[in-house]
Amino acid sequence: MRINGFSAATGLLCLWASACGAAHPASQGTIRFTGSIVEPMCATNAHSGTQLDVTGCPSASRGNQFTVRSVAPVASVNGASLRLVADSGSGRFYDQRYLLVDGRGQPVKSGRYEVTLTAP
């Protein structure tokens, strides 16, 4: 009887372990989003080709990221990016001003650039 009880317990333990360890294969599908945007996004305005204003941004989007891509490359400009030059500070909404600069930090004065704003 003692051997049978040990065998039964071992068998149950093996069944339980195999059931818990079984992994379900990953399936593919479609994720659908239904809802609405409840915060307004930032308004943007480019001035004189080198300054970019971002206004009326909700404080939840303070981690905005910008990417700059050259559409019409200029040989004298290497690695254009945006540099923050003014920030209205904290509050429910904020404004920022950026300057388009080259790799040396000098204002870009020629070329065509696409600026993409990614909000968190």
Protein backbone atom coordinates (compact mmCIF):
# COMPACT_ATOMS: atom_id res chain seq x y z
CA MET A 1 0.00 0.00 0.00
CA ARG A 2 2.82 2.29 0.73
CA ILE A 3 4.33 1.78 -2.75
CA ASN A 4 0.96 2.36 -4.47
CA GLY A 5 0.40 5.63 -2.59
CA PHE A 6 3.84 6.83 -3.58
CA SER A 7 3.22 5.83 -7.22
CA ALA A 8 -0.15 7.57 -7.29
CA ALA A 9 1.30 10.77 -5.81
CA THR A 10 4.19 10.72 -8.27
CA GLY A 11 1.80 10.19 -11.17
CA LEU A 12 -0.41 13.10 -10.11
CA LEU A 13 2.64 15.32 -9.69
CA CYS A 14 3.82 14.46 -13.21
CA LEU A 15 0.36 15.16 -14.70
CA TRP A 16 0.13 18.50 -12.87
CA ALA A 17 3.64 19.55 -13.96
CA SER A 18 3.02 18.68 -17.60
CA ALA A 19 -0.30 20.56 -17.64
CA CYS A 20 1.27 23.68 -16.12
CA GLY A 21 4.33 23.56 -18.35
CA ALA A 22 2.40 23.23 -21.61
CA ALA A 23 2.76 26.40 -23.65
CA HIS A 24 0.12 27.51 -26.08
CA PRO A 25 1.48 28.49 -29.48
CA ALA A 26 1.37 32.20 -30.31
CA SER A 27 -1.46 33.08 -32.61
CA GLN A 28 -1.76 35.94 -35.01
CA GLY A 29 -4.63 38.36 -35.12
CA THR A 30 -5.72 41.93 -35.43
CA ILE A 31 -5.87 44.49 -32.64
CA ARG A 32 -8.58 47.10 -33.07
CA PHE A 33 -8.66 50.38 -31.16
CA THR A 34 -11.99 52.00 -30.49
CA GLY A 35 -12.13 55.31 -28.70
CA SER A 36 -11.33 58.95 -29.04
CA ILE A 37 -8.50 61.37 -28.37
CA VAL A 38 -9.50 63.42 -25.36
CA GLU A 39 -6.53 65.81 -25.22
CA PRO A 40 -5.80 68.22 -28.06
CA MET A 41 -2.45 67.81 -29.75
CA CYS A 42 0.16 70.50 -30.16
CA ALA A 43 -0.18 73.12 -32.86
CA THR A 44 2.95 73.68 -34.96
CA ASN A 45 4.09 76.69 -36.93
CA ALA A 46 7.35 77.14 -38.86
CA HIS A 47 8.89 80.64 -38.97
CA SER A 48 11.48 81.78 -41.49
CA GLY A 49 12.32 78.18 -42.31
CA THR A 50 14.56 77.65 -39.28
CA GLN A 51 12.28 78.18 -36.25
CA LEU A 52 9.51 75.82 -35.23
CA ASP A 53 6.89 76.77 -32.64
CA VAL A 54 4.96 74.06 -30.81
CA THR A 55 2.06 75.62 -28.91
CA GLY A 56 -0.84 74.53 -26.75
CA CYS A 57 0.68 71.16 -25.88
CA PRO A 58 -0.95 69.27 -23.00
CA SER A 59 1.43 68.61 -20.12
CA ALA A 60 1.00 64.83 -20.61
CA SER A 61 2.86 65.12 -23.93
CA ARG A 62 5.95 66.78 -22.43
CA GLY A 63 8.15 63.91 -23.66
CA ASN A 64 7.72 64.81 -27.35
CA GLN A 65 10.43 63.54 -29.66
CA PHE A 66 11.41 65.11 -32.96
CA THR A 67 13.15 63.57 -35.93
CA VAL A 68 14.54 65.63 -38.80
CA ARG A 69 15.01 64.18 -42.27
CA SER A 70 16.56 66.03 -45.17
CA VAL A 71 14.25 66.06 -48.21
CA ALA A 72 16.61 68.04 -50.46
CA PRO A 73 20.14 67.45 -49.15
CA VAL A 74 22.58 70.34 -48.98
CA ALA A 75 26.28 69.48 -49.04
CA SER A 76 27.15 72.06 -46.37
CA VAL A 77 24.58 70.74 -43.83
CA ASN A 78 25.53 67.62 -41.94
CA GLY A 79 23.11 66.06 -39.40
CA ALA A 80 20.31 68.61 -39.01
CA SER A 81 18.35 68.49 -35.75
CA LEU A 82 16.14 70.67 -33.57
CA ARG A 83 17.48 72.56 -30.53
CA LEU A 84 15.08 73.80 -27.84
CA VAL A 85 15.51 77.57 -27.44
CA ALA A 86 12.39 78.57 -25.42
CA ASP A 87 10.00 76.77 -23.08
CA SER A 88 6.99 78.31 -21.34
CA GLY A 89 7.56 76.12 -18.29
CA SER A 90 5.10 73.92 -16.43
CA GLY A 91 1.35 74.07 -16.31
CA ARG A 92 -1.59 72.33 -17.93
CA PHE A 93 -0.43 73.46 -21.40
CA TYR A 94 2.97 74.61 -22.56
CA ASP A 95 4.65 76.20 -25.58
CA GLN A 96 8.12 75.55 -26.96
CA ARG A 97 10.30 77.07 -29.69
CA TYR A 98 12.93 75.07 -31.56
CA LEU A 99 15.70 76.09 -33.94
CA LEU A 100 16.83 73.92 -36.85
CA VAL A 101 20.61 73.48 -36.50
CA ASP A 102 23.33 71.52 -38.27
CA GLY A 103 25.79 69.06 -36.69
CA ARG A 104 27.97 71.96 -35.42
CA GLY A 105 25.00 73.69 -33.73
CA GLN A 106 24.77 76.48 -36.32
CA PRO A 107 21.34 77.55 -37.68
CA VAL A 108 20.46 75.85 -40.97
CA LYS A 109 19.84 78.41 -43.73
CA SER A 110 19.21 76.20 -46.77
CA GLY A 111 17.64 72.93 -47.81
CA ARG A 112 14.28 71.26 -47.28
CA TYR A 113 13.57 69.19 -44.18
CA GLU A 114 10.77 67.00 -42.89
CA VAL A 115 10.21 67.24 -39.14
CA THR A 116 8.23 64.50 -37.42
CA LEU A 117 6.75 65.01 -33.95
CA THR A 118 6.12 61.85 -31.90
CA ALA A 119 4.07 62.33 -28.75
CA PRO A 120 4.05 59.79 -25.90
